[in-house]
Amino acid sequence: MTMPPGRRRGLVASCLSLMVAWGLVAQWTAFLEVPQQQELQRRQILAISAGAAAQALPTPAALAGDRDRLSMVLAVRRKFLPKILKTYKELQAAGSITDDFLEEKKLKKFITALMSYGSIQRMEEAPDKISRKLQADAKEVEQFLLAKDYANAMKALETYRLDVPNGGGEFEWSAEG
């Protein structure tokens, strides 16, 4: 189970502040007793590392696993857009929907690519209006392809393309995958 970034930062800040406090207490108590040389070195190392960690805390660095929306869109684009463009160009070259296209796993892979590409276009964590619209467009394309309605399938694909929002997700059918 992953922890939300805000909660992770709070946990990290709590741990670092505890280390700093422990280091300060260790330094303060060092004046009350005469520690052995080895114990003194450990306390100094802890105090220095806790101080350095506390100084590094205010910088808003990305935590491991945090990805921004654009990087996720581009990753899915690299994975699925070539399949979408290739299949579109094959359909366009054939001029109709062939039985081979329906019998092989081409249709399933094509619709999966459309659904996945549509899903990542959401603007928030949860599916939103944009991603649901694109997934509905993909289902409509699938229905037209299964019915072998070439003209409406191509229109539905164009609708899908136009419904993709700007910001890293948009594409042209003539683009190279």
N, C-alpha and C. Protein backbone atom coordinates (compact mmCIF):
# COMPACT_ATOMS: atom_id res chain seq x y z
N MET A 1 0.85 -1.17 0.00
CA MET A 1 0.00 0.00 0.00
C MET A 1 0.90 1.23 0.00
N THR A 2 0.66 2.16 -0.90
CA THR A 2 1.47 3.36 -0.96
C THR A 2 0.87 4.44 -0.08
N MET A 3 1.75 5.28 0.40
CA MET A 3 1.34 6.36 1.28
C MET A 3 1.26 7.64 0.46
N PRO A 4 0.25 8.49 0.68
CA PRO A 4 0.16 9.74 -0.06
C PRO A 4 1.40 10.60 0.17
N PRO A 5 1.83 11.38 -0.86
CA PRO A 5 3.05 12.18 -0.74
C PRO A 5 3.05 13.12 0.46
N GLY A 6 1.94 13.75 0.76
CA GLY A 6 1.88 14.66 1.89
C GLY A 6 2.14 13.96 3.21
N ARG A 7 1.63 12.76 3.31
CA ARG A 7 1.81 11.99 4.53
C ARG A 7 3.26 11.51 4.65
N ARG A 8 3.87 11.15 3.48
CA ARG A 8 5.26 10.73 3.47
C ARG A 8 6.16 11.87 3.94
N ARG A 9 5.90 13.07 3.43
CA ARG A 9 6.71 14.22 3.83
C ARG A 9 6.59 14.46 5.33
N GLY A 10 5.37 14.31 5.85
CA GLY A 10 5.16 14.49 7.28
C GLY A 10 5.91 13.45 8.09
N LEU A 11 5.91 12.21 7.61
CA LEU A 11 6.61 11.12 8.29
C LEU A 11 8.11 11.36 8.25
N VAL A 12 8.62 11.77 7.11
CA VAL A 12 10.05 12.06 6.97
C VAL A 12 10.43 13.22 7.88
N ALA A 13 9.61 14.27 7.89
CA ALA A 13 9.90 15.43 8.73
C ALA A 13 9.89 15.03 10.21
N SER A 14 8.94 14.20 10.62
CA SER A 14 8.87 13.75 12.01
C SER A 14 10.11 12.95 12.38
N CYS A 15 10.54 12.05 11.52
CA CYS A 15 11.72 11.24 11.79
C CYS A 15 12.97 12.11 11.89
N LEU A 16 13.10 13.05 10.97
CA LEU A 16 14.27 13.92 10.99
C LEU A 16 14.28 14.81 12.22
N SER A 17 13.13 15.35 12.58
CA SER A 17 13.10 16.20 13.77
C SER A 17 13.40 15.39 15.03
N LEU A 18 12.96 14.13 15.07
CA LEU A 18 13.27 13.26 16.20
C LEU A 18 14.77 12.99 16.27
N MET A 19 15.39 12.78 15.11
CA MET A 19 16.84 12.56 15.07
C MET A 19 17.58 13.81 15.54
N VAL A 20 17.14 14.97 15.11
CA VAL A 20 17.78 16.22 15.52
C VAL A 20 17.63 16.42 17.01
N ALA A 21 16.42 16.20 17.53
CA ALA A 21 16.19 16.36 18.95
C ALA A 21 17.04 15.39 19.76
N TRP A 22 17.12 14.16 19.30
CA TRP A 22 17.92 13.16 19.99
C TRP A 22 19.40 13.56 19.97
N GLY A 23 19.86 14.09 18.83
CA GLY A 23 21.24 14.55 18.72
C GLY A 23 21.52 15.71 19.65
N LEU A 24 20.56 16.64 19.78
CA LEU A 24 20.74 17.78 20.67
C LEU A 24 20.79 17.33 22.13
N VAL A 25 19.91 16.39 22.49
CA VAL A 25 19.91 15.85 23.85
C VAL A 25 21.23 15.15 24.12
N ALA A 26 21.71 14.41 23.13
CA ALA A 26 22.98 13.71 23.29
C ALA A 26 24.13 14.69 23.49
N GLN A 27 24.12 15.78 22.74
CA GLN A 27 25.17 16.79 22.90
C GLN A 27 25.06 17.45 24.28
N TRP A 28 23.86 17.77 24.73
CA TRP A 28 23.67 18.44 26.00
C TRP A 28 24.12 17.55 27.15
N THR A 29 23.75 16.26 27.06
CA THR A 29 24.15 15.35 28.13
C THR A 29 25.63 15.03 28.07
N ALA A 30 26.27 15.29 26.94
CA ALA A 30 27.70 15.03 26.83
C ALA A 30 28.48 15.91 27.81
N PHE A 31 27.96 17.07 28.15
CA PHE A 31 28.64 17.96 29.09
C PHE A 31 28.51 17.46 30.52
N LEU A 32 27.49 16.66 30.79
CA LEU A 32 27.27 16.17 32.14
C LEU A 32 28.15 14.98 32.48
N GLU A 33 28.51 14.19 31.48
CA GLU A 33 29.34 13.01 31.70
C GLU A 33 30.56 13.12 30.81
N VAL A 34 31.54 12.40 31.15
CA VAL A 34 32.73 12.35 30.31
C VAL A 34 32.63 11.04 29.53
N PRO A 35 32.21 11.11 28.24
CA PRO A 35 32.03 9.88 27.48
C PRO A 35 33.37 9.32 27.00
N GLN A 36 33.33 8.06 26.66
CA GLN A 36 34.51 7.45 26.08
C GLN A 36 34.69 7.99 24.67
N GLN A 37 35.88 7.84 24.12
CA GLN A 37 36.21 8.41 22.81
C GLN A 37 35.28 7.86 21.71
N GLN A 38 35.02 6.55 21.73
CA GLN A 38 34.19 5.94 20.69
C GLN A 38 32.76 6.45 20.76
N GLU A 39 32.20 6.57 21.95
CA GLU A 39 30.83 7.06 22.10
C GLU A 39 30.73 8.53 21.68
N LEU A 40 31.76 9.31 21.95
CA LEU A 40 31.79 10.70 21.53
C LEU A 40 31.74 10.80 20.01
N GLN A 41 32.46 9.97 19.33
CA GLN A 41 32.45 9.99 17.86
C GLN A 41 31.07 9.65 17.31
N ARG A 42 30.42 8.66 17.90
CA ARG A 42 29.08 8.29 17.43
C ARG A 42 28.11 9.44 17.61
N ARG A 43 28.18 10.11 18.74
CA ARG A 43 27.29 11.23 19.00
C ARG A 43 27.56 12.38 18.03
N GLN A 44 28.80 12.65 17.76
CA GLN A 44 29.14 13.72 16.82
C GLN A 44 28.64 13.39 15.42
N ILE A 45 28.84 12.16 15.01
CA ILE A 45 28.37 11.74 13.68
C ILE A 45 26.85 11.86 13.59
N LEU A 46 26.16 11.42 14.63
CA LEU A 46 24.70 11.51 14.63
C LEU A 46 24.24 12.96 14.60
N ALA A 47 24.86 13.80 15.39
CA ALA A 47 24.48 15.21 15.42
C ALA A 47 24.74 15.88 14.07
N ILE A 48 25.86 15.57 13.45
CA ILE A 48 26.18 16.16 12.14
C ILE A 48 25.21 15.68 11.07
N SER A 49 24.94 14.37 11.05
CA SER A 49 24.03 13.84 10.02
C SER A 49 22.60 14.33 10.24
N ALA A 50 22.17 14.45 11.50
CA ALA A 50 20.82 14.95 11.76
C ALA A 50 20.72 16.42 11.37
N GLY A 51 21.76 17.18 11.64
CA GLY A 51 21.76 18.59 11.25
C GLY A 51 21.74 18.76 9.74
N ALA A 52 22.52 17.94 9.04
CA ALA A 52 22.54 18.01 7.58
C ALA A 52 21.19 17.61 7.00
N ALA A 53 20.58 16.59 7.58
CA ALA A 53 19.26 16.14 7.11
C ALA A 53 18.21 17.22 7.35
N ALA A 54 18.31 17.90 8.49
CA ALA A 54 17.34 18.95 8.79
C ALA A 54 17.49 20.12 7.83
N GLN A 55 18.72 20.41 7.42
CA GLN A 55 18.94 21.49 6.46
C GLN A 55 18.40 21.12 5.09
N ALA A 56 18.46 19.86 4.75
CA ALA A 56 18.00 19.41 3.44
C ALA A 56 16.48 19.28 3.38
N LEU A 57 15.81 19.24 4.51
CA LEU A 57 14.36 19.01 4.55
C LEU A 57 13.52 20.05 3.81
N PRO A 58 13.76 21.36 3.95
CA PRO A 58 12.87 22.33 3.31
C PRO A 58 12.85 22.29 1.79
N THR A 59 13.84 21.71 1.15
CA THR A 59 13.82 21.66 -0.32
C THR A 59 12.73 20.70 -0.77
N PRO A 60 11.83 21.15 -1.65
CA PRO A 60 10.72 20.30 -2.08
C PRO A 60 11.15 19.34 -3.20
N ALA A 61 12.00 18.39 -2.87
CA ALA A 61 12.45 17.41 -3.85
C ALA A 61 11.37 16.35 -4.05
N ALA A 62 11.33 15.76 -5.23
CA ALA A 62 10.36 14.71 -5.52
C ALA A 62 10.73 13.45 -4.75
N LEU A 63 9.75 12.80 -4.21
CA LEU A 63 9.98 11.56 -3.50
C LEU A 63 10.00 10.42 -4.51
N ALA A 64 10.63 9.33 -4.14
CA ALA A 64 10.69 8.18 -5.04
C ALA A 64 9.28 7.71 -5.36
N GLY A 65 9.01 7.50 -6.62
CA GLY A 65 7.70 7.02 -7.02
C GLY A 65 6.75 8.13 -7.43
N ASP A 66 7.04 9.37 -7.07
CA ASP A 66 6.19 10.49 -7.47
C ASP A 66 6.43 10.79 -8.94
N ARG A 67 5.36 10.89 -9.70
CA ARG A 67 5.48 11.22 -11.12
C ARG A 67 4.45 12.28 -11.44
N ASP A 68 4.85 13.18 -12.26
CA ASP A 68 3.89 14.20 -12.66
C ASP A 68 3.02 13.67 -13.79
N ARG A 69 1.95 14.35 -14.06
CA ARG A 69 0.97 13.92 -15.06
C ARG A 69 1.59 13.78 -16.44
N LEU A 70 2.40 14.77 -16.83
CA LEU A 70 2.98 14.76 -18.17
C LEU A 70 3.88 13.55 -18.38
N SER A 71 4.68 13.18 -17.40
CA SER A 71 5.56 12.01 -17.57
C SER A 71 4.74 10.74 -17.72
N MET A 72 3.61 10.64 -17.01
CA MET A 72 2.76 9.45 -17.16
C MET A 72 2.10 9.42 -18.54
N VAL A 73 1.62 10.59 -19.00
CA VAL A 73 0.99 10.66 -20.33
C VAL A 73 2.01 10.28 -21.40
N LEU A 74 3.22 10.79 -21.28
CA LEU A 74 4.25 10.49 -22.29
C LEU A 74 4.65 9.02 -22.27
N ALA A 75 4.69 8.40 -21.09
CA ALA A 75 5.02 6.98 -21.01
C ALA A 75 3.95 6.14 -21.69
N VAL A 76 2.69 6.46 -21.43
CA VAL A 76 1.59 5.71 -22.06
C VAL A 76 1.55 6.02 -23.56
N ARG A 77 1.87 7.24 -23.92
CA ARG A 77 1.92 7.62 -25.34
C ARG A 77 2.95 6.76 -26.07
N ARG A 78 4.14 6.60 -25.49
CA ARG A 78 5.19 5.77 -26.11
C ARG A 78 4.76 4.32 -26.23
N LYS A 79 3.97 3.86 -25.28
CA LYS A 79 3.57 2.45 -25.28
C LYS A 79 2.41 2.16 -26.23
N PHE A 80 1.37 3.01 -26.23
CA PHE A 80 0.15 2.67 -26.95
C PHE A 80 -0.09 3.44 -28.25
N LEU A 81 0.42 4.64 -28.38
CA LEU A 81 0.14 5.43 -29.58
C LEU A 81 0.67 4.77 -30.86
N PRO A 82 1.85 4.14 -30.85
CA PRO A 82 2.28 3.46 -32.09
C PRO A 82 1.30 2.38 -32.54
N LYS A 83 0.72 1.64 -31.61
CA LYS A 83 -0.26 0.60 -31.95
C LYS A 83 -1.53 1.24 -32.52
N ILE A 84 -1.97 2.34 -31.93
CA ILE A 84 -3.17 3.03 -32.40
C ILE A 84 -2.95 3.55 -33.82
N LEU A 85 -1.83 4.22 -34.05
CA LEU A 85 -1.55 4.78 -35.38
C LEU A 85 -1.38 3.69 -36.43
N LYS A 86 -0.66 2.63 -36.08
CA LYS A 86 -0.42 1.53 -37.03
C LYS A 86 -1.74 0.88 -37.44
N THR A 87 -2.59 0.61 -36.46
CA THR A 87 -3.88 -0.04 -36.76
C THR A 87 -4.77 0.89 -37.57
N TYR A 88 -4.78 2.17 -37.24
CA TYR A 88 -5.58 3.14 -38.02
C TYR A 88 -5.12 3.15 -39.48
N LYS A 89 -3.82 3.19 -39.68
CA LYS A 89 -3.28 3.23 -41.05
C LYS A 89 -3.58 1.93 -41.80
N GLU A 90 -3.56 0.81 -41.10
CA GLU A 90 -3.93 -0.48 -41.73
C GLU A 90 -5.40 -0.47 -42.14
N LEU A 91 -6.26 0.02 -41.27
CA LEU A 91 -7.69 0.10 -41.60
C LEU A 91 -7.91 1.03 -42.79
N GLN A 92 -7.21 2.16 -42.77
CA GLN A 92 -7.37 3.13 -43.85
C GLN A 92 -6.86 2.54 -45.17
N ALA A 93 -5.77 1.82 -45.13
CA ALA A 93 -5.22 1.22 -46.35
C ALA A 93 -6.14 0.12 -46.89
N ALA A 94 -6.74 -0.65 -45.99
CA ALA A 94 -7.64 -1.74 -46.42
C ALA A 94 -8.94 -1.18 -46.96
N GLY A 95 -9.39 -0.05 -46.45
CA GLY A 95 -10.63 0.56 -46.91
C GLY A 95 -11.88 -0.12 -46.40
N SER A 96 -11.71 -1.16 -45.61
CA SER A 96 -12.85 -1.86 -45.02
C SER A 96 -12.34 -2.64 -43.81
N ILE A 97 -13.30 -3.23 -43.10
CA ILE A 97 -12.94 -4.03 -41.93
C ILE A 97 -12.95 -5.49 -42.35
N THR A 98 -11.78 -6.11 -42.33
CA THR A 98 -11.66 -7.48 -42.81
C THR A 98 -11.94 -8.48 -41.69
N ASP A 99 -12.25 -9.72 -42.11
CA ASP A 99 -12.47 -10.78 -41.13
C ASP A 99 -11.19 -11.09 -40.37
N ASP A 100 -10.05 -11.00 -41.06
CA ASP A 100 -8.76 -11.25 -40.39
C ASP A 100 -8.56 -10.26 -39.24
N PHE A 101 -8.94 -9.02 -39.45
CA PHE A 101 -8.81 -8.01 -38.41
C PHE A 101 -9.65 -8.37 -37.20
N LEU A 102 -10.85 -8.87 -37.44
CA LEU A 102 -11.75 -9.22 -36.35
C LEU A 102 -11.37 -10.54 -35.68
N GLU A 103 -10.85 -11.51 -36.44
CA GLU A 103 -10.55 -12.82 -35.89
C GLU A 103 -9.24 -12.84 -35.11
N GLU A 104 -8.27 -12.12 -35.62
CA GLU A 104 -6.99 -12.07 -34.90
C GLU A 104 -7.16 -11.20 -33.66
N LYS A 105 -6.11 -11.09 -32.89
CA LYS A 105 -6.18 -10.29 -31.67
C LYS A 105 -5.95 -8.81 -31.96
N LYS A 106 -5.94 -8.44 -33.22
CA LYS A 106 -5.71 -7.04 -33.58
C LYS A 106 -6.78 -6.12 -33.00
N LEU A 107 -8.03 -6.51 -33.11
CA LEU A 107 -9.12 -5.67 -32.62
C LEU A 107 -8.99 -5.48 -31.11
N LYS A 108 -8.77 -6.58 -30.39
CA LYS A 108 -8.66 -6.50 -28.93
C LYS A 108 -7.50 -5.61 -28.52
N LYS A 109 -6.35 -5.77 -29.16
CA LYS A 109 -5.18 -4.95 -28.82
C LYS A 109 -5.42 -3.49 -29.17
N PHE A 110 -6.10 -3.25 -30.27
CA PHE A 110 -6.40 -1.88 -30.69
C PHE A 110 -7.32 -1.20 -29.69
N ILE A 111 -8.37 -1.88 -29.28
CA ILE A 111 -9.32 -1.29 -28.33
C ILE A 111 -8.66 -1.12 -26.96
N THR A 112 -7.82 -2.08 -26.55
CA THR A 112 -7.09 -1.94 -25.29
C THR A 112 -6.19 -0.72 -25.33
N ALA A 113 -5.52 -0.50 -26.46
CA ALA A 113 -4.65 0.68 -26.61
C ALA A 113 -5.48 1.96 -26.54
N LEU A 114 -6.62 1.99 -27.21
CA LEU A 114 -7.49 3.17 -27.15
C LEU A 114 -7.99 3.43 -25.73
N MET A 115 -8.40 2.38 -25.04
CA MET A 115 -8.92 2.52 -23.67
C MET A 115 -7.81 3.01 -22.73
N SER A 116 -6.63 2.43 -22.84
CA SER A 116 -5.52 2.82 -21.97
C SER A 116 -5.08 4.25 -22.24
N TYR A 117 -5.00 4.61 -23.51
CA TYR A 117 -4.60 5.97 -23.87
C TYR A 117 -5.65 6.97 -23.41
N GLY A 118 -6.91 6.60 -23.49
CA GLY A 118 -7.98 7.47 -23.01
C GLY A 118 -7.99 7.59 -21.49
N SER A 119 -7.67 6.50 -20.81
CA SER A 119 -7.67 6.50 -19.35
C SER A 119 -6.62 7.44 -18.77
N ILE A 120 -5.45 7.50 -19.38
CA ILE A 120 -4.36 8.32 -18.84
C ILE A 120 -4.57 9.80 -19.11
N GLN A 121 -5.51 10.16 -19.93
CA GLN A 121 -5.74 11.57 -20.25
C GLN A 121 -6.49 12.31 -19.15
N ARG A 122 -6.80 11.64 -18.06
CA ARG A 122 -7.52 12.30 -16.97
C ARG A 122 -6.66 13.40 -16.37
N MET A 123 -7.31 14.40 -15.81
CA MET A 123 -6.60 15.54 -15.23
C MET A 123 -6.35 15.36 -13.74
N GLU A 124 -6.97 14.36 -13.12
CA GLU A 124 -6.82 14.11 -11.69
C GLU A 124 -6.51 12.64 -11.49
N GLU A 125 -6.35 12.23 -10.24
CA GLU A 125 -6.07 10.84 -9.92
C GLU A 125 -7.21 9.92 -10.35
N ALA A 126 -8.41 10.31 -10.02
CA ALA A 126 -9.58 9.49 -10.33
C ALA A 126 -10.05 9.76 -11.75
N PRO A 127 -10.70 8.79 -12.39
CA PRO A 127 -11.24 9.05 -13.73
C PRO A 127 -12.16 10.26 -13.70
N ASP A 128 -12.05 11.08 -14.72
CA ASP A 128 -12.87 12.29 -14.78
C ASP A 128 -13.64 12.32 -16.10
N LYS A 129 -14.26 13.45 -16.38
CA LYS A 129 -15.10 13.60 -17.57
C LYS A 129 -14.32 13.31 -18.86
N ILE A 130 -13.10 13.76 -18.93
CA ILE A 130 -12.30 13.58 -20.14
C ILE A 130 -11.99 12.11 -20.38
N SER A 131 -11.46 11.43 -19.37
CA SER A 131 -11.09 10.03 -19.56
C SER A 131 -12.32 9.15 -19.81
N ARG A 132 -13.42 9.44 -19.13
CA ARG A 132 -14.65 8.67 -19.37
C ARG A 132 -15.17 8.89 -20.79
N LYS A 133 -15.07 10.11 -21.30
CA LYS A 133 -15.51 10.41 -22.67
C LYS A 133 -14.66 9.64 -23.67
N LEU A 134 -13.34 9.63 -23.47
CA LEU A 134 -12.46 8.90 -24.38
C LEU A 134 -12.70 7.39 -24.33
N GLN A 135 -12.96 6.87 -23.16
CA GLN A 135 -13.24 5.44 -23.06
C GLN A 135 -14.59 5.10 -23.70
N ALA A 136 -15.55 5.99 -23.59
CA ALA A 136 -16.84 5.79 -24.27
C ALA A 136 -16.63 5.85 -25.79
N ASP A 137 -15.78 6.77 -26.25
CA ASP A 137 -15.45 6.84 -27.68
C ASP A 137 -14.82 5.53 -28.14
N ALA A 138 -13.92 4.96 -27.33
CA ALA A 138 -13.25 3.71 -27.69
C ALA A 138 -14.27 2.56 -27.78
N LYS A 139 -15.23 2.54 -26.87
CA LYS A 139 -16.27 1.50 -26.93
C LYS A 139 -17.14 1.66 -28.17
N GLU A 140 -17.40 2.91 -28.54
CA GLU A 140 -18.17 3.17 -29.75
C GLU A 140 -17.41 2.70 -30.99
N VAL A 141 -16.10 2.95 -31.02
CA VAL A 141 -15.26 2.47 -32.12
C VAL A 141 -15.35 0.95 -32.19
N GLU A 142 -15.25 0.29 -31.04
CA GLU A 142 -15.31 -1.17 -31.01
C GLU A 142 -16.64 -1.68 -31.58
N GLN A 143 -17.74 -1.04 -31.20
CA GLN A 143 -19.05 -1.46 -31.71
C GLN A 143 -19.12 -1.33 -33.23
N PHE A 144 -18.62 -0.22 -33.77
CA PHE A 144 -18.65 -0.03 -35.22
C PHE A 144 -17.73 -1.03 -35.93
N LEU A 145 -16.59 -1.34 -35.33
CA LEU A 145 -15.68 -2.31 -35.94
C LEU A 145 -16.30 -3.70 -35.93
N LEU A 146 -16.91 -4.07 -34.83
CA LEU A 146 -17.55 -5.39 -34.76
C LEU A 146 -18.71 -5.51 -35.76
N ALA A 147 -19.40 -4.38 -36.00
CA ALA A 147 -20.50 -4.37 -36.96
C ALA A 147 -19.99 -4.21 -38.40
N LYS A 148 -18.67 -4.10 -38.56
CA LYS A 148 -18.03 -3.89 -39.87
C LYS A 148 -18.53 -2.63 -40.56
N ASP A 149 -18.83 -1.62 -39.78
CA ASP A 149 -19.27 -0.32 -40.30
C ASP A 149 -18.05 0.59 -40.40
N TYR A 150 -17.35 0.48 -41.52
CA TYR A 150 -16.08 1.17 -41.73
C TYR A 150 -16.22 2.69 -41.63
N ALA A 151 -17.19 3.27 -42.30
CA ALA A 151 -17.33 4.73 -42.35
C ALA A 151 -17.56 5.30 -40.95
N ASN A 152 -18.47 4.70 -40.20
CA ASN A 152 -18.74 5.20 -38.86
C ASN A 152 -17.59 4.92 -37.90
N ALA A 153 -16.88 3.82 -38.11
CA ALA A 153 -15.71 3.51 -37.27
C ALA A 153 -14.64 4.58 -37.47
N MET A 154 -14.42 4.99 -38.72
CA MET A 154 -13.41 6.02 -38.99
C MET A 154 -13.84 7.38 -38.42
N LYS A 155 -15.14 7.66 -38.49
CA LYS A 155 -15.65 8.91 -37.89
C LYS A 155 -15.48 8.88 -36.37
N ALA A 156 -15.78 7.72 -35.77
CA ALA A 156 -15.64 7.58 -34.32
C ALA A 156 -14.17 7.71 -33.90
N LEU A 157 -13.26 7.19 -34.72
CA LEU A 157 -11.83 7.34 -34.42
C LEU A 157 -11.40 8.81 -34.48
N GLU A 158 -11.94 9.54 -35.45
CA GLU A 158 -11.63 10.97 -35.54
C GLU A 158 -12.21 11.72 -34.35
N THR A 159 -13.40 11.34 -33.91
CA THR A 159 -14.00 11.93 -32.71
C THR A 159 -13.11 11.66 -31.50
N TYR A 160 -12.61 10.43 -31.39
CA TYR A 160 -11.71 10.06 -30.30
C TYR A 160 -10.47 10.96 -30.33
N ARG A 161 -9.87 11.12 -31.50
CA ARG A 161 -8.66 11.94 -31.63
C ARG A 161 -8.93 13.38 -31.21
N LEU A 162 -10.07 13.92 -31.63
CA LEU A 162 -10.39 15.30 -31.31
C LEU A 162 -10.74 15.49 -29.82
N ASP A 163 -11.21 14.43 -29.16
CA ASP A 163 -11.55 14.52 -27.75
C ASP A 163 -10.33 14.44 -26.83
N VAL A 164 -9.18 14.03 -27.37
CA VAL A 164 -7.96 13.97 -26.56
C VAL A 164 -7.53 15.40 -26.26
N PRO A 165 -7.33 15.73 -24.97
CA PRO A 165 -6.98 17.11 -24.62
C PRO A 165 -5.55 17.47 -25.01
N ASN A 166 -5.31 18.77 -25.18
CA ASN A 166 -3.96 19.25 -25.43
C ASN A 166 -3.13 19.08 -24.17
N GLY A 167 -1.83 19.07 -24.34
CA GLY A 167 -0.96 18.95 -23.18
C GLY A 167 -0.17 17.66 -23.15
N GLY A 168 0.29 17.22 -24.30
CA GLY A 168 1.09 16.00 -24.35
C GLY A 168 0.36 14.80 -24.90
N GLY A 169 -0.96 14.84 -24.92
CA GLY A 169 -1.72 13.69 -25.38
C GLY A 169 -2.20 13.77 -26.81
N GLU A 170 -2.32 15.00 -27.33
CA GLU A 170 -2.89 15.17 -28.68
C GLU A 170 -1.96 14.53 -29.74
N PHE A 171 -2.56 14.11 -30.85
CA PHE A 171 -1.80 13.49 -31.93
C PHE A 171 -2.53 13.67 -33.24
N GLU A 172 -1.83 13.40 -34.32
CA GLU A 172 -2.39 13.41 -35.67
C GLU A 172 -2.28 12.01 -36.25
N TRP A 173 -3.21 11.65 -37.09
CA TRP A 173 -3.18 10.30 -37.69
C TRP A 173 -1.97 10.14 -38.61
N SER A 174 -1.45 11.22 -39.13
CA SER A 174 -0.30 11.14 -40.02
C SER A 174 1.01 11.05 -39.26
N ALA A 175 0.97 11.17 -37.95
CA ALA A 175 2.20 11.15 -37.13
C ALA A 175 2.85 9.78 -37.17
N GLU A 176 4.13 9.80 -36.91
CA GLU A 176 4.86 8.53 -36.79
C GLU A 176 4.73 8.04 -35.36
N GLY A 177 4.52 6.76 -35.19
CA GLY A 177 4.36 6.20 -33.85
C GLY A 177 5.66 6.09 -33.17
